[in-house]
């Protein structure tokens, strides 16, 4: 983050995971690497977003099959 009086800029990075059901009924997952390039302004003592730009670095969509839950019914010796 860079601060300049009542203005500031900053970058944020994230990986987003979106599960969805496709039109064909298949469960899918879309994974995206994202960056936010933000500009902030301080007004009346409160920091506010002045501008937010979204950069998509990459995405991947693939089938997503849920895992079976672990079998917790086994006896412990």
C-alpha atoms as a PDB file:
ATOM      1  CA  UNK A   1       0.000   0.000   0.000  1.00  0.00           C
ATOM      2  CA  UNK A   2       1.179   3.508  -0.820  1.00  0.00           C
ATOM      3  CA  UNK A   3      -0.066   6.439   1.239  1.00  0.00           C
ATOM      4  CA  UNK A   4      -0.043  10.017  -0.051  1.00  0.00           C
ATOM      5  CA  UNK A   5      -1.928  12.346   2.307  1.00  0.00           C
ATOM      6  CA  UNK A   6      -5.655  11.687   1.927  1.00  0.00           C
ATOM      7  CA  UNK A   7      -5.123   9.312  -1.003  1.00  0.00           C
ATOM      8  CA  UNK A   8      -3.740   5.795  -1.135  1.00  0.00           C
ATOM      9  CA  UNK A   9      -3.296   2.910  -3.554  1.00  0.00           C
ATOM     10  CA  UNK A  10      -3.023  -0.791  -2.855  1.00  0.00           C
ATOM     11  CA  UNK A  11      -3.033  -4.189  -4.545  1.00  0.00           C
ATOM     12  CA  UNK A  12      -4.848  -7.284  -3.262  1.00  0.00           C
ATOM     13  CA  UNK A  13      -4.436 -10.847  -4.481  1.00  0.00           C
ATOM     14  CA  UNK A  14      -6.877 -13.741  -4.170  1.00  0.00           C
ATOM     15  CA  UNK A  15      -7.801 -17.134  -5.571  1.00  0.00           C
ATOM     16  CA  UNK A  16     -11.546 -17.589  -6.055  1.00  0.00           C
ATOM     17  CA  UNK A  17     -13.313 -20.974  -6.191  1.00  0.00           C
ATOM     18  CA  UNK A  18     -16.800 -21.113  -7.715  1.00  0.00           C
ATOM     19  CA  UNK A  19     -18.799 -24.348  -7.706  1.00  0.00           C
ATOM     20  CA  UNK A  20     -21.715 -24.563 -10.121  1.00  0.00           C
ATOM     21  CA  UNK A  21     -23.876 -26.993 -12.043  1.00  0.00           C
ATOM     22  CA  UNK A  22     -23.430 -26.716 -15.800  1.00  0.00           C
ATOM     23  CA  UNK A  23     -26.342 -26.785 -18.255  1.00  0.00           C
ATOM     24  CA  UNK A  24     -25.683 -30.490 -18.835  1.00  0.00           C
ATOM     25  CA  UNK A  25     -26.118 -31.194 -15.091  1.00  0.00           C
ATOM     26  CA  UNK A  26     -22.402 -31.777 -14.420  1.00  0.00           C
ATOM     27  CA  UNK A  27     -20.955 -30.296 -11.239  1.00  0.00           C
ATOM     28  CA  UNK A  28     -18.001 -28.047 -12.139  1.00  0.00           C
ATOM     29  CA  UNK A  29     -15.510 -25.779 -10.402  1.00  0.00           C
ATOM     30  CA  UNK A  30     -14.011 -22.586 -11.771  1.00  0.00           C
ATOM     31  CA  UNK A  31     -10.812 -21.383 -10.115  1.00  0.00           C
ATOM     32  CA  UNK A  32      -9.491 -17.887 -10.825  1.00  0.00           C
ATOM     33  CA  UNK A  33      -6.377 -15.994  -9.759  1.00  0.00           C
ATOM     34  CA  UNK A  34      -7.421 -12.373  -9.302  1.00  0.00           C
ATOM     35  CA  UNK A  35      -5.837  -9.042  -8.430  1.00  0.00           C
ATOM     36  CA  UNK A  36      -7.563  -5.878  -7.312  1.00  0.00           C
ATOM     37  CA  UNK A  37      -5.842  -2.559  -8.011  1.00  0.00           C
ATOM     38  CA  UNK A  38      -7.450  -0.141  -5.577  1.00  0.00           C
ATOM     39  CA  UNK A  39      -7.407   3.606  -5.074  1.00  0.00           C
ATOM     40  CA  UNK A  40      -8.657   5.032  -1.796  1.00  0.00           C
ATOM     41  CA  UNK A  41      -9.598   8.487  -0.603  1.00  0.00           C
ATOM     42  CA  UNK A  42     -10.001   9.744   2.968  1.00  0.00           C
ATOM     43  CA  UNK A  43     -13.149  11.840   3.481  1.00  0.00           C
ATOM     44  CA  UNK A  44     -14.262  13.184   6.856  1.00  0.00           C
ATOM     45  CA  UNK A  45     -11.800  10.849   8.592  1.00  0.00           C
ATOM     46  CA  UNK A  46     -13.039   7.702   6.820  1.00  0.00           C
ATOM     47  CA  UNK A  47     -11.149   5.762   4.134  1.00  0.00           C
ATOM     48  CA  UNK A  48     -13.314   4.964   1.095  1.00  0.00           C
ATOM     49  CA  UNK A  49     -12.780   3.166  -2.195  1.00  0.00           C
ATOM     50  CA  UNK A  50     -12.307   5.699  -4.986  1.00  0.00           C
ATOM     51  CA  UNK A  51     -11.689   3.121  -7.724  1.00  0.00           C
ATOM     52  CA  UNK A  52     -11.264  -0.658  -7.979  1.00  0.00           C
ATOM     53  CA  UNK A  53      -9.867  -2.441 -11.026  1.00  0.00           C
ATOM     54  CA  UNK A  54     -10.117  -6.221 -11.341  1.00  0.00           C
ATOM     55  CA  UNK A  55      -7.340  -8.090 -13.142  1.00  0.00           C
ATOM     56  CA  UNK A  56      -7.925 -11.780 -13.991  1.00  0.00           C
ATOM     57  CA  UNK A  57      -4.520 -13.465 -14.210  1.00  0.00           C
ATOM     58  CA  UNK A  58      -5.849 -16.920 -15.088  1.00  0.00           C
ATOM     59  CA  UNK A  59      -8.902 -19.178 -14.810  1.00  0.00           C
ATOM     60  CA  UNK A  60      -9.423 -22.919 -14.925  1.00  0.00           C
ATOM     61  CA  UNK A  61     -12.745 -24.760 -15.141  1.00  0.00           C
ATOM     62  CA  UNK A  62     -12.985 -28.495 -14.575  1.00  0.00           C
ATOM     63  CA  UNK A  63     -15.263 -31.260 -13.371  1.00  0.00           C
ATOM     64  CA  UNK A  64     -15.786 -31.402  -9.609  1.00  0.00           C
ATOM     65  CA  UNK A  65     -16.779 -34.708  -8.068  1.00  0.00           C
ATOM     66  CA  UNK A  66     -17.609 -34.527  -4.355  1.00  0.00           C
ATOM     67  CA  UNK A  67     -15.595 -36.839  -2.127  1.00  0.00           C
ATOM     68  CA  UNK A  68     -17.351 -39.476  -0.090  1.00  0.00           C
ATOM     69  CA  UNK A  69     -17.330 -38.768   3.637  1.00  0.00           C
ATOM     70  CA  UNK A  70     -14.881 -40.849   5.677  1.00  0.00           C
ATOM     71  CA  UNK A  71     -16.184 -44.129   7.076  1.00  0.00           C
ATOM     72  CA  UNK A  72     -16.304 -43.467  10.819  1.00  0.00           C
ATOM     73  CA  UNK A  73     -18.174 -46.674  11.602  1.00  0.00           C
ATOM     74  CA  UNK A  74     -15.059 -48.858  11.945  1.00  0.00           C
ATOM     75  CA  UNK A  75     -14.287 -50.120  15.433  1.00  0.00           C
ATOM     76  CA  UNK A  76     -11.143 -48.824  17.063  1.00  0.00           C
ATOM     77  CA  UNK A  77      -8.937 -51.552  18.539  1.00  0.00           C
END
